[in-house]
């Protein structure tokens, strides 16, 4: 192993400091409340799009008479009616 010069050691230390500084900034950005809100918002939008696409596909399959899709649509419609009835009941109380 060769001995390193003082300038090489200083250069290595500066590189390590710069690397650590970048890492700290990345961690700070990652854990910031604003970044967390943005990530949660983005994830929710992706999930909502996927759910909407799946629902649209199910409705399209139901329109062609596919029994499984018809059952899902009927179940969703029944759930929506039940929820609506509960809301009306609650409002009228």
PDB file of N, CA and C in Angstrom:
ATOM      1  N   UNK A   1       0.851  -1.177   0.000  1.00  0.00           N
ATOM      2  CA  UNK A   1       0.000   0.000   0.000  1.00  0.00           C
ATOM      3  C   UNK A   1       0.896   1.239   0.000  1.00  0.00           C
ATOM      4  N   UNK A   2       0.565   2.163  -0.883  1.00  0.00           N
ATOM      5  CA  UNK A   2       1.385   3.372  -0.976  1.00  0.00           C
ATOM      6  C   UNK A   2       0.827   4.441  -0.050  1.00  0.00           C
ATOM      7  N   UNK A   3       1.719   5.235   0.452  1.00  0.00           N
ATOM      8  CA  UNK A   3       1.324   6.328   1.345  1.00  0.00           C
ATOM      9  C   UNK A   3       0.666   7.424   0.516  1.00  0.00           C
ATOM     10  N   UNK A   4      -0.371   7.994   1.067  1.00  0.00           N
ATOM     11  CA  UNK A   4      -1.061   9.077   0.363  1.00  0.00           C
ATOM     12  C   UNK A   4      -0.505  10.406   0.834  1.00  0.00           C
ATOM     13  N   UNK A   5      -0.506  11.317  -0.091  1.00  0.00           N
ATOM     14  CA  UNK A   5      -0.002  12.646   0.259  1.00  0.00           C
ATOM     15  C   UNK A   5      -1.091  13.423   0.996  1.00  0.00           C
ATOM     16  N   UNK A   6      -0.672  14.515   1.602  1.00  0.00           N
ATOM     17  CA  UNK A   6      -1.614  15.367   2.323  1.00  0.00           C
ATOM     18  C   UNK A   6      -2.691  15.896   1.384  1.00  0.00           C
ATOM     19  N   UNK A   7      -2.316  16.264   0.173  1.00  0.00           N
ATOM     20  CA  UNK A   7      -3.288  16.803  -0.787  1.00  0.00           C
ATOM     21  C   UNK A   7      -4.284  15.721  -1.220  1.00  0.00           C
ATOM     22  N   UNK A   8      -3.822  14.468  -1.328  1.00  0.00           N
ATOM     23  CA  UNK A   8      -4.735  13.376  -1.679  1.00  0.00           C
ATOM     24  C   UNK A   8      -5.741  13.133  -0.549  1.00  0.00           C
ATOM     25  N   UNK A   9      -5.252  13.176   0.670  1.00  0.00           N
ATOM     26  CA  UNK A   9      -6.138  12.982   1.821  1.00  0.00           C
ATOM     27  C   UNK A   9      -7.173  14.102   1.883  1.00  0.00           C
ATOM     28  N   UNK A  10      -6.720  15.359   1.677  1.00  0.00           N
ATOM     29  CA  UNK A  10      -7.650  16.491   1.689  1.00  0.00           C
ATOM     30  C   UNK A  10      -8.692  16.354   0.577  1.00  0.00           C
ATOM     31  N   UNK A  11      -8.242  15.935  -0.601  1.00  0.00           N
ATOM     32  CA  UNK A  11      -9.163  15.759  -1.727  1.00  0.00           C
ATOM     33  C   UNK A  11     -10.193  14.671  -1.412  1.00  0.00           C
ATOM     34  N   UNK A  12      -9.736  13.576  -0.807  1.00  0.00           N
ATOM     35  CA  UNK A  12     -10.651  12.495  -0.429  1.00  0.00           C
ATOM     36  C   UNK A  12     -11.668  12.970   0.608  1.00  0.00           C
ATOM     37  N   UNK A  13     -11.199  13.748   1.576  1.00  0.00           N
ATOM     38  CA  UNK A  13     -12.101  14.281   2.600  1.00  0.00           C
ATOM     39  C   UNK A  13     -13.137  15.221   1.995  1.00  0.00           C
ATOM     40  N   UNK A  14     -12.704  16.075   1.084  1.00  0.00           N
ATOM     41  CA  UNK A  14     -13.640  17.000   0.421  1.00  0.00           C
ATOM     42  C   UNK A  14     -14.683  16.225  -0.385  1.00  0.00           C
ATOM     43  N   UNK A  15     -14.235  15.179  -1.080  1.00  0.00           N
ATOM     44  CA  UNK A  15     -15.172  14.360  -1.861  1.00  0.00           C
ATOM     45  C   UNK A  15     -16.179  13.679  -0.935  1.00  0.00           C
ATOM     46  N   UNK A  16     -15.700  13.175   0.204  1.00  0.00           N
ATOM     47  CA  UNK A  16     -16.593  12.525   1.169  1.00  0.00           C
ATOM     48  C   UNK A  16     -17.585  13.529   1.740  1.00  0.00           C
ATOM     49  N   UNK A  17     -17.134  14.744   2.048  1.00  0.00           N
ATOM     50  CA  UNK A  17     -18.033  15.788   2.569  1.00  0.00           C
ATOM     51  C   UNK A  17     -19.110  16.143   1.546  1.00  0.00           C
ATOM     52  N   UNK A  18     -18.687  16.288   0.305  1.00  0.00           N
ATOM     53  CA  UNK A  18     -19.642  16.629  -0.754  1.00  0.00           C
ATOM     54  C   UNK A  18     -20.676  15.516  -0.913  1.00  0.00           C
ATOM     55  N   UNK A  19     -20.217  14.272  -0.855  1.00  0.00           N
ATOM     56  CA  UNK A  19     -21.119  13.135  -0.980  1.00  0.00           C
ATOM     57  C   UNK A  19     -22.110  13.105   0.184  1.00  0.00           C
ATOM     58  N   UNK A  20     -21.615  13.304   1.390  1.00  0.00           N
ATOM     59  CA  UNK A  20     -22.488  13.323   2.568  1.00  0.00           C
ATOM     60  C   UNK A  20     -23.470  14.483   2.516  1.00  0.00           C
ATOM     61  N   UNK A  21     -23.010  15.628   2.060  1.00  0.00           N
ATOM     62  CA  UNK A  21     -23.879  16.794   1.951  1.00  0.00           C
ATOM     63  C   UNK A  21     -25.033  16.502   0.996  1.00  0.00           C
ATOM     64  N   UNK A  22     -24.705  15.893  -0.141  1.00  0.00           N
ATOM     65  CA  UNK A  22     -25.749  15.532  -1.107  1.00  0.00           C
ATOM     66  C   UNK A  22     -26.729  14.531  -0.528  1.00  0.00           C
ATOM     67  N   UNK A  23     -26.203  13.556   0.210  1.00  0.00           N
ATOM     68  CA  UNK A  23     -27.053  12.539   0.823  1.00  0.00           C
ATOM     69  C   UNK A  23     -27.989  13.163   1.854  1.00  0.00           C
ATOM     70  N   UNK A  24     -27.472  14.064   2.664  1.00  0.00           N
ATOM     71  CA  UNK A  24     -28.299  14.735   3.673  1.00  0.00           C
ATOM     72  C   UNK A  24     -29.399  15.544   2.995  1.00  0.00           C
ATOM     73  N   UNK A  25     -29.069  16.242   1.919  1.00  0.00           N
ATOM     74  CA  UNK A  25     -30.076  17.026   1.198  1.00  0.00           C
ATOM     75  C   UNK A  25     -31.153  16.115   0.606  1.00  0.00           C
ATOM     76  N   UNK A  26     -30.731  14.983   0.040  1.00  0.00           N
ATOM     77  CA  UNK A  26     -31.700  14.040  -0.525  1.00  0.00           C
ATOM     78  C   UNK A  26     -32.633  13.509   0.560  1.00  0.00           C
ATOM     79  N   UNK A  27     -32.063  13.143   1.705  1.00  0.00           N
ATOM     80  CA  UNK A  27     -32.880  12.645   2.814  1.00  0.00           C
ATOM     81  C   UNK A  27     -33.826  13.723   3.328  1.00  0.00           C
ATOM     82  N   UNK A  28     -33.334  14.939   3.419  1.00  0.00           N
ATOM     83  CA  UNK A  28     -34.159  16.051   3.877  1.00  0.00           C
ATOM     84  C   UNK A  28     -35.337  16.264   2.928  1.00  0.00           C
ATOM     85  N   UNK A  29     -35.056  16.228   1.632  1.00  0.00           N
ATOM     86  CA  UNK A  29     -36.123  16.382   0.643  1.00  0.00           C
ATOM     87  C   UNK A  29     -37.114  15.226   0.723  1.00  0.00           C
ATOM     88  N   UNK A  30     -36.595  14.008   0.873  1.00  0.00           N
ATOM     89  CA  UNK A  30     -37.450  12.824   0.892  1.00  0.00           C
ATOM     90  C   UNK A  30     -38.402  12.836   2.084  1.00  0.00           C
ATOM     91  N   UNK A  31     -37.914  13.266   3.238  1.00  0.00           N
ATOM     92  CA  UNK A  31     -38.727  13.220   4.447  1.00  0.00           C
ATOM     93  C   UNK A  31     -39.469  14.520   4.749  1.00  0.00           C
ATOM     94  N   UNK A  32     -39.385  15.493   3.871  1.00  0.00           N
ATOM     95  CA  UNK A  32     -40.089  16.750   4.127  1.00  0.00           C
ATOM     96  C   UNK A  32     -41.599  16.528   4.019  1.00  0.00           C
ATOM     97  N   UNK A  33     -42.379  17.220   4.831  1.00  0.00           N
ATOM     98  CA  UNK A  33     -43.839  17.064   4.776  1.00  0.00           C
ATOM     99  C   UNK A  33     -44.408  17.359   3.386  1.00  0.00           C
ATOM    100  N   UNK A  34     -43.872  18.372   2.738  1.00  0.00           N
ATOM    101  CA  UNK A  34     -44.368  18.724   1.401  1.00  0.00           C
ATOM    102  C   UNK A  34     -44.132  17.576   0.425  1.00  0.00           C
ATOM    103  N   UNK A  35     -42.944  16.969   0.483  1.00  0.00           N
ATOM    104  CA  UNK A  35     -42.640  15.846  -0.405  1.00  0.00           C
ATOM    105  C   UNK A  35     -43.547  14.658  -0.096  1.00  0.00           C
ATOM    106  N   UNK A  36     -43.808  14.428   1.187  1.00  0.00           N
ATOM    107  CA  UNK A  36     -44.696  13.324   1.565  1.00  0.00           C
ATOM    108  C   UNK A  36     -46.105  13.543   1.037  1.00  0.00           C
ATOM    109  N   UNK A  37     -46.582  14.779   1.124  1.00  0.00           N
ATOM    110  CA  UNK A  37     -47.916  15.100   0.605  1.00  0.00           C
ATOM    111  C   UNK A  37     -47.956  14.880  -0.902  1.00  0.00           C
ATOM    112  N   UNK A  38     -46.930  15.340  -1.596  1.00  0.00           N
ATOM    113  CA  UNK A  38     -46.888  15.176  -3.053  1.00  0.00           C
ATOM    114  C   UNK A  38     -46.854  13.701  -3.448  1.00  0.00           C
ATOM    115  N   UNK A  39     -46.050  12.900  -2.726  1.00  0.00           N
ATOM    116  CA  UNK A  39     -45.986  11.463  -3.028  1.00  0.00           C
ATOM    117  C   UNK A  39     -47.335  10.795  -2.763  1.00  0.00           C
ATOM    118  N   UNK A  40     -47.966  11.137  -1.644  1.00  0.00           N
ATOM    119  CA  UNK A  40     -49.268  10.555  -1.314  1.00  0.00           C
ATOM    120  C   UNK A  40     -50.312  10.951  -2.357  1.00  0.00           C
ATOM    121  N   UNK A  41     -50.267  12.202  -2.779  1.00  0.00           N
ATOM    122  CA  UNK A  41     -51.202  12.697  -3.795  1.00  0.00           C
ATOM    123  C   UNK A  41     -51.001  11.953  -5.111  1.00  0.00           C
ATOM    124  N   UNK A  42     -49.752  11.801  -5.509  1.00  0.00           N
ATOM    125  CA  UNK A  42     -49.436  11.099  -6.749  1.00  0.00           C
ATOM    126  C   UNK A  42     -49.872   9.638  -6.680  1.00  0.00           C
ATOM    127  N   UNK A  43     -49.595   8.984  -5.552  1.00  0.00           N
ATOM    128  CA  UNK A  43     -50.001   7.589  -5.381  1.00  0.00           C
ATOM    129  C   UNK A  43     -51.518   7.449  -5.434  1.00  0.00           C
ATOM    130  N   UNK A  44     -52.226   8.360  -4.779  1.00  0.00           N
ATOM    131  CA  UNK A  44     -53.691   8.315  -4.774  1.00  0.00           C
ATOM    132  C   UNK A  44     -54.246   8.518  -6.181  1.00  0.00           C
ATOM    133  N   UNK A  45     -53.641   9.435  -6.936  1.00  0.00           N
ATOM    134  CA  UNK A  45     -54.095   9.670  -8.307  1.00  0.00           C
ATOM    135  C   UNK A  45     -53.875   8.437  -9.174  1.00  0.00           C
ATOM    136  N   UNK A  46     -52.721   7.789  -9.010  1.00  0.00           N
ATOM    137  CA  UNK A  46     -52.438   6.571  -9.786  1.00  0.00           C
ATOM    138  C   UNK A  46     -53.437   5.469  -9.450  1.00  0.00           C
ATOM    139  N   UNK A  47     -53.714   5.296  -8.153  1.00  0.00           N
ATOM    140  CA  UNK A  47     -54.661   4.263  -7.734  1.00  0.00           C
ATOM    141  C   UNK A  47     -56.070   4.578  -8.225  1.00  0.00           C
ATOM    142  N   UNK A  48     -56.451   5.848  -8.181  1.00  0.00           N
ATOM    143  CA  UNK A  48     -57.779   6.247  -8.653  1.00  0.00           C
ATOM    144  C   UNK A  48     -57.911   5.998 -10.152  1.00  0.00           C
ATOM    145  N   UNK A  49     -56.852   6.324 -10.911  1.00  0.00           N
ATOM    146  CA  UNK A  49     -56.884   6.064 -12.358  1.00  0.00           C
ATOM    147  C   UNK A  49     -57.009   4.572 -12.639  1.00  0.00           C
ATOM    148  N   UNK A  50     -56.237   3.764 -11.907  1.00  0.00           N
ATOM    149  CA  UNK A  50     -56.281   2.314 -12.103  1.00  0.00           C
ATOM    150  C   UNK A  50     -57.668   1.768 -11.767  1.00  0.00           C
ATOM    151  N   UNK A  51     -58.261   2.265 -10.683  1.00  0.00           N
ATOM    152  CA  UNK A  51     -59.596   1.824 -10.287  1.00  0.00           C
ATOM    153  C   UNK A  51     -60.634   2.249 -11.322  1.00  0.00           C
ATOM    154  N   UNK A  52     -60.523   3.467 -11.822  1.00  0.00           N
ATOM    155  CA  UNK A  52     -61.456   3.952 -12.843  1.00  0.00           C
ATOM    156  C   UNK A  52     -61.331   3.129 -14.119  1.00  0.00           C
ATOM    157  N   UNK A  53     -60.100   2.811 -14.506  1.00  0.00           N
ATOM    158  CA  UNK A  53     -59.885   1.981 -15.696  1.00  0.00           C
ATOM    159  C   UNK A  53     -60.499   0.597 -15.511  1.00  0.00           C
ATOM    160  N   UNK A  54     -60.309   0.032 -14.318  1.00  0.00           N
ATOM    161  CA  UNK A  54     -60.854  -1.295 -14.032  1.00  0.00           C
ATOM    162  C   UNK A  54     -62.384  -1.262 -14.046  1.00  0.00           C
ATOM    163  N   UNK A  55     -62.963  -0.212 -13.457  1.00  0.00           N
ATOM    164  CA  UNK A  55     -64.421  -0.080 -13.440  1.00  0.00           C
ATOM    165  C   UNK A  55     -64.961   0.082 -14.855  1.00  0.00           C
ATOM    166  N   UNK A  56     -64.279   0.882 -15.657  1.00  0.00           N
ATOM    167  CA  UNK A  56     -64.707   1.091 -17.037  1.00  0.00           C
ATOM    168  C   UNK A  56     -64.649  -0.221 -17.817  1.00  0.00           C
ATOM    169  N   UNK A  57     -63.598  -0.993 -17.591  1.00  0.00           N
ATOM    170  CA  UNK A  57     -63.457  -2.287 -18.256  1.00  0.00           C
ATOM    171  C   UNK A  57     -64.579  -3.233 -17.827  1.00  0.00           C
ATOM    172  N   UNK A  58     -64.904  -3.228 -16.536  1.00  0.00           N
ATOM    173  CA  UNK A  58     -65.972  -4.095 -16.032  1.00  0.00           C
ATOM    174  C   UNK A  58     -67.320  -3.709 -16.635  1.00  0.00           C
ATOM    175  N   UNK A  59     -67.596  -2.417 -16.706  1.00  0.00           N
ATOM    176  CA  UNK A  59     -68.856  -1.954 -17.303  1.00  0.00           C
ATOM    177  C   UNK A  59     -68.914  -2.338 -18.778  1.00  0.00           C
ATOM    178  N   UNK A  60     -67.795  -2.201 -19.459  1.00  0.00           N
ATOM    179  CA  UNK A  60     -67.755  -2.573 -20.877  1.00  0.00           C
ATOM    180  C   UNK A  60     -68.012  -4.075 -21.037  1.00  0.00           C
ATOM    181  N   UNK A  61     -67.410  -4.883 -20.176  1.00  0.00           N
ATOM    182  CA  UNK A  61     -67.642  -6.328 -20.238  1.00  0.00           C
ATOM    183  C   UNK A  61     -69.095  -6.659 -19.910  1.00  0.00           C
ATOM    184  N   UNK A  62     -69.670  -5.942 -18.957  1.00  0.00           N
ATOM    185  CA  UNK A  62     -71.073  -6.174 -18.592  1.00  0.00           C
ATOM    186  C   UNK A  62     -71.994  -5.838 -19.753  1.00  0.00           C
ATOM    187  N   UNK A  63     -71.640  -4.812 -20.512  1.00  0.00           N
ATOM    188  CA  UNK A  63     -72.483  -4.424 -21.648  1.00  0.00           C
ATOM    189  C   UNK A  63     -72.479  -5.483 -22.743  1.00  0.00           C
ATOM    190  N   UNK A  64     -71.459  -6.346 -22.735  1.00  0.00           N
ATOM    191  CA  UNK A  64     -71.426  -7.444 -23.712  1.00  0.00           C
ATOM    192  C   UNK A  64     -72.094  -8.696 -23.150  1.00  0.00           C
ATOM    193  N   UNK A  65     -72.556  -8.623 -21.892  1.00  0.00           N
ATOM    194  CA  UNK A  65     -73.292  -9.732 -21.303  1.00  0.00           C
ATOM    195  C   UNK A  65     -72.450 -10.726 -20.530  1.00  0.00           C
ATOM    196  N   UNK A  66     -71.216 -10.389 -20.218  1.00  0.00           N
ATOM    197  CA  UNK A  66     -70.359 -11.306 -19.462  1.00  0.00           C
ATOM    198  C   UNK A  66     -70.926 -11.446 -18.043  1.00  0.00           C
ATOM    199  N   UNK A  67     -71.287 -12.672 -17.625  1.00  0.00           N
ATOM    200  CA  UNK A  67     -71.962 -12.870 -16.336  1.00  0.00           C
ATOM    201  C   UNK A  67     -71.193 -12.339 -15.123  1.00  0.00           C
ATOM    202  N   UNK A  68     -69.899 -12.588 -15.057  1.00  0.00           N
ATOM    203  CA  UNK A  68     -69.114 -12.123 -13.905  1.00  0.00           C
ATOM    204  C   UNK A  68     -69.145 -10.599 -13.805  1.00  0.00           C
ATOM    205  N   UNK A  69     -69.009  -9.935 -14.945  1.00  0.00           N
ATOM    206  CA  UNK A  69     -69.030  -8.471 -14.966  1.00  0.00           C
ATOM    207  C   UNK A  69     -70.421  -7.949 -14.606  1.00  0.00           C
ATOM    208  N   UNK A  70     -71.463  -8.623 -15.094  1.00  0.00           N
ATOM    209  CA  UNK A  70     -72.831  -8.215 -14.749  1.00  0.00           C
ATOM    210  C   UNK A  70     -73.053  -8.300 -13.242  1.00  0.00           C
ATOM    211  N   UNK A  71     -72.527  -9.342 -12.627  1.00  0.00           N
ATOM    212  CA  UNK A  71     -72.647  -9.493 -11.179  1.00  0.00           C
ATOM    213  C   UNK A  71     -71.949  -8.371 -10.436  1.00  0.00           C
ATOM    214  N   UNK A  72     -70.753  -8.006 -10.897  1.00  0.00           N
ATOM    215  CA  UNK A  72     -70.010  -6.921 -10.250  1.00  0.00           C
ATOM    216  C   UNK A  72     -70.753  -5.596 -10.374  1.00  0.00           C
ATOM    217  N   UNK A  73     -71.296  -5.334 -11.557  1.00  0.00           N
ATOM    218  CA  UNK A  73     -72.027  -4.082 -11.772  1.00  0.00           C
ATOM    219  C   UNK A  73     -73.292  -4.059 -10.910  1.00  0.00           C
ATOM    220  N   UNK A  74     -73.988  -5.188 -10.840  1.00  0.00           N
ATOM    221  CA  UNK A  74     -75.195  -5.256 -10.013  1.00  0.00           C
ATOM    222  C   UNK A  74     -74.849  -5.048  -8.540  1.00  0.00           C
ATOM    223  N   UNK A  75     -73.759  -5.650  -8.095  1.00  0.00           N
ATOM    224  CA  UNK A  75     -73.326  -5.486  -6.705  1.00  0.00           C
ATOM    225  C   UNK A  75     -72.971  -4.025  -6.416  1.00  0.00           C
ATOM    226  N   UNK A  76     -72.257  -3.391  -7.341  1.00  0.00           N
ATOM    227  CA  UNK A  76     -71.887  -1.982  -7.159  1.00  0.00           C
ATOM    228  C   UNK A  76     -73.128  -1.098  -7.135  1.00  0.00           C
ATOM    229  N   UNK A  77     -74.079  -1.387  -8.014  1.00  0.00           N
ATOM    230  CA  UNK A  77     -75.313  -0.597  -8.048  1.00  0.00           C
ATOM    231  C   UNK A  77     -76.097  -0.778  -6.751  1.00  0.00           C
ATOM    232  N   UNK A  78     -76.161  -2.006  -6.259  1.00  0.00           N
ATOM    233  CA  UNK A  78     -76.849  -2.265  -4.993  1.00  0.00           C
ATOM    234  C   UNK A  78     -76.180  -1.547  -3.839  1.00  0.00           C
ATOM    235  N   UNK A  79     -74.856  -1.556  -3.830  1.00  0.00           N
ATOM    236  CA  UNK A  79     -74.111  -0.848  -2.789  1.00  0.00           C
ATOM    237  C   UNK A  79     -74.356   0.647  -2.845  1.00  0.00           C
ATOM    238  N   UNK A  80     -74.398   1.186  -4.056  1.00  0.00           N
ATOM    239  CA  UNK A  80     -74.649   2.623  -4.211  1.00  0.00           C
ATOM    240  C   UNK A  80     -76.056   2.981  -3.731  1.00  0.00           C
ATOM    241  N   UNK A  81     -77.026   2.126  -4.048  1.00  0.00           N
ATOM    242  CA  UNK A  81     -78.398   2.376  -3.583  1.00  0.00           C
ATOM    243  C   UNK A  81     -78.485   2.302  -2.064  1.00  0.00           C
ATOM    244  N   UNK A  82     -77.819   1.322  -1.478  1.00  0.00           N
ATOM    245  CA  UNK A  82     -77.835   1.190  -0.017  1.00  0.00           C
ATOM    246  C   UNK A  82     -77.186   2.401   0.639  1.00  0.00           C
ATOM    247  N   UNK A  83     -76.075   2.843   0.092  1.00  0.00           N
ATOM    248  CA  UNK A  83     -75.399   4.021   0.633  1.00  0.00           C
ATOM    249  C   UNK A  83     -76.289   5.255   0.503  1.00  0.00           C
ATOM    250  N   UNK A  84     -76.928   5.392  -0.647  1.00  0.00           N
ATOM    251  CA  UNK A  84     -77.839   6.518  -0.847  1.00  0.00           C
ATOM    252  C   UNK A  84     -78.987   6.493   0.144  1.00  0.00           C
ATOM    253  N   UNK A  85     -79.537   5.301   0.385  1.00  0.00           N
ATOM    254  CA  UNK A  85     -80.637   5.175   1.342  1.00  0.00           C
ATOM    255  C   UNK A  85     -80.180   5.546   2.749  1.00  0.00           C
ATOM    256  N   UNK A  86     -78.986   5.117   3.125  1.00  0.00           N
ATOM    257  CA  UNK A  86     -78.455   5.466   4.445  1.00  0.00           C
ATOM    258  C   UNK A  86     -78.251   6.971   4.583  1.00  0.00           C
ATOM    259  N   UNK A  87     -77.744   7.595   3.532  1.00  0.00           N
ATOM    260  CA  UNK A  87     -77.537   9.046   3.572  1.00  0.00           C
ATOM    261  C   UNK A  87     -78.862   9.795   3.692  1.00  0.00           C
ATOM    262  N   UNK A  88     -79.854   9.375   2.926  1.00  0.00           N
ATOM    263  CA  UNK A  88     -81.168  10.018   2.988  1.00  0.00           C
ATOM    264  C   UNK A  88     -81.762   9.836   4.376  1.00  0.00           C
ATOM    265  N   UNK A  89     -81.645   8.640   4.914  1.00  0.00           N
ATOM    266  CA  UNK A  89     -82.172   8.361   6.254  1.00  0.00           C
ATOM    267  C   UNK A  89     -81.501   9.249   7.297  1.00  0.00           C
ATOM    268  N   UNK A  90     -80.202   9.384   7.160  1.00  0.00           N
ATOM    269  CA  UNK A  90     -79.454  10.206   8.123  1.00  0.00           C
ATOM    270  C   UNK A  90     -79.847  11.686   8.007  1.00  0.00           C
ATOM    271  N   UNK A  91     -80.026  12.153   6.788  1.00  0.00           N
ATOM    272  CA  UNK A  91     -80.400  13.553   6.564  1.00  0.00           C
ATOM    273  C   UNK A  91     -81.790  13.837   7.136  1.00  0.00           C
ATOM    274  N   UNK A  92     -82.705  12.894   6.982  1.00  0.00           N
ATOM    275  CA  UNK A  92     -84.081  13.095   7.418  1.00  0.00           C
ATOM    276  C   UNK A  92     -84.264  12.952   8.920  1.00  0.00           C
ATOM    277  N   UNK A  93     -83.302  12.415   9.613  1.00  0.00           N
ATOM    278  CA  UNK A  93     -83.412  12.270  11.081  1.00  0.00           C
ATOM    279  C   UNK A  93     -83.223  13.573  11.781  1.00  0.00           C
TER     280      UNK A  93
END
